[in-house]
Amino acid sequence: MKTFALILCIILIMFVTHYWAAAKEAKAVVTEKDVRTALQNRQFEEAVKAIDSMLATAKENLDFLLYLKGLSLFYGKNFTDAIKPCDEVIAGYEKSLWYRKAIFLKAQCLIQLKRFEEAEKIYNEEVRRLLSTARKEEIAGVYFRFAEAISHKPGKDELDAPPPNYNKAYELYKKVLELEIGSDMRDEAMFRLGRMMQLAGNYGQAINDYHQYLNEFDPDWMGPVDSPRRQKSLKPTARVSKHRYEARYYLAESQLAIDQYRWARINLEDLIRLIPTPGNDAEKRIVRDAQFLLIRTYHIPEPRDDEELALGVKAARAFLVDFSYDWRAVPLAYEIGQAYETRGKSEDAINAYREFLKTKFETSTEPDEGESESPAERYERLKMAATYRIGEILFSQRNYAGAMDVWNQYIAQFPNGPQWADAQQGIVNAEFQTGVDLLAQEKYSEAISVWDKFLEKHPLDDRSRQIMFTYGQIHYYTAEKDDVKDEYRKAISEWEKLVSKYPNTEESSLALLRIGQTYEEKLGELESALESYRKLTWGSWVGEAQARIRAMTEKKLQLVTERIFRTNEPARIKVSLRNIEKLSISIYKVDLEAYWRKMHGIRGIETLDIALIAPDKTQEYQVPDYRKYKPFEQ
């Protein structure tokens, strides 16, 4: 009995184990329904696992399963792995219904991987095969998608994306136009031709493409500005297109880029008249952009003449009234002041900058897309710049007090401003220049008063040396003008202060030379002059001082006849002496007739060896009032 129970128990265990294994195997079977469910739920990894499970046991529909695997990997953004099952379908199932789909799926993966040349090769091969009338629209769509991909400008996060290739995209859109396509697609393709050339910087070709587009798709287009059609007011029969306003705007942009500003202005004015009451947001935007671009046709903020200045400022003020909320309003209001400044209209520029500072603009604190600073930050930066520029203009007008007031305001209002240090330096420059202008007006006492304060406030400023040198020059000029020798001594005193306070500088080098010259030439104190020259051992005036020392200390003897004398005139000889107390002059008489007969000319007289000839007369000359170092002429 126990044996039978044991056998029955073993049989029961074997039955349960077999049933459990069979149930487990039945549960592991995966069907297409499971794959579809996973795909519908966007569970792409689960779908791939399910397909791999089916591929392991499937004996048919392998091409479909491989394509489905590639599609699942593609939607799961695993583009690299998605290419492998596509290649398996392409290599082993040429007659399959999924063959072509696998080819195009591979091309889509290559586009996503930015491998555009490989994708283009696939599309070119397939396009050549598929140029049938029934599929031209589909093929054109392929060109469109590929052109959009290669002309896409990478965002800041797309670090591995290649730069846009507008020229290649242009060629692809031209291929679209070669196909038999509908008018809507032709509209889009022709518009994009101009846009690609504009983005590529080929503005001349862009203008031609926009002209062709408007001729075909804008019923209000009268032709180019200088065309016979416009001159004869002949209207085309084009149908209304969705891009006609954009095309007109971009046409004006392209014309402005190559300085066809008058043509651009006419086209923009036409565009604005076409939309007197913009309805939707797109029309409002295009009108606003057109009115702003119209300002640029007058070269604001750098107008070329006063007429452009007047018309440009008028257009800019109109924009500020109509679109004060636009982000461009703040820099435009600042540019009005710049425009006046460009044309040299200082007072108008100051008024424009002050009007800008008084105007309150509503600005966002969030940066615009692609911008590093927010509108509010830009507004604050331009307020600082406008304040500083007012001070600069006042300084150029020699209104130094006004400039200092403005720059002091800048320093107090914008302690972290980028021109804070410049404003500080501007104040110092204005204080110095005030004295310069008083000096030019010969208001010496006032100039000295201003500069005394400057020296007290800015003792380390490099111009302090110039001021101290100029003090000496003022006294020297006064001495020359009024013939007052005491002023020479005051000049020397000022220069000595400079030499003492700023030795070994260029200014003190010149000051020491001027001291020596004044002692030598004006006061006749030769020993003091020589002492000053010998002290000068630095700067670019050392050579001049050394020359003066040599001239004063060396012996000098020079006899010259200042002109030719006739035989009936007494000959006069000028003698110049220095450091010689007594002069002995020997006079020789030449018999010119005898010399002529012997030499057949009178050249070479000066080469006669007078040491062999006794002088006809010898004369001693004692220098009167002889003083060492003093030059003497008689």
Foldseek 3Di string as FASTA:
>chain_A
DVVVVVVVVVVVVVVVVVVVVVVVVVVPDADVVNLVVCVVVLVLVVNLVSLVVCCVPDDPPLLVSLLSNLVSCVSVVVLVVSLVSLVVSCVPPVPDPCVVVSLLSNLVSCLVVQVLVVSVVSLVVVCVVPQDQVCLQVNLVVLVVSLCSQQDADDPPPPVHDGHDLVVSLVSLVVNVVHPDDPQSVLVSLLSNLVSCVVVVVLVVSLVSLQVSCLAAPQADQGQPPDVSVVVVPTHDHHHHPCNLVSLQVSLVSCVVVLVLVSSLVSLVVSCVVCVDDDDPVSVVSNLSSLVVNLCSCVFLQGPDVVSLVVSVVSLVVSCVVCLQDLVNLVSLLRNLSNCVNHVNLVSSLVSLVVSLPDDGDFDQDCDVPDPGGSVVVNVLSNLVSLLVNLVSCVVVLVLVVSLVSLVVSCVPCVPHPCVVVSVVSNLVSLLVVLVVCVVVVVNVVSVVSVVVSCVVCVPDPCNLVVLLVQLVNLVVVCVVVVDLVSNVVSLVSLVVSCVVPPQDQSNLVSLLSNLCCCVPPVVVNVVSLVSLVVRDHHPCVVVSVVLNCLLQDWDWDKDQPDDDDPVDDGDIKIKTAPDFKDKDFAADDDVVVVCVVVVDDPPPVVDPCVVPHGPDMDMGGDPPDDRSHMDMD
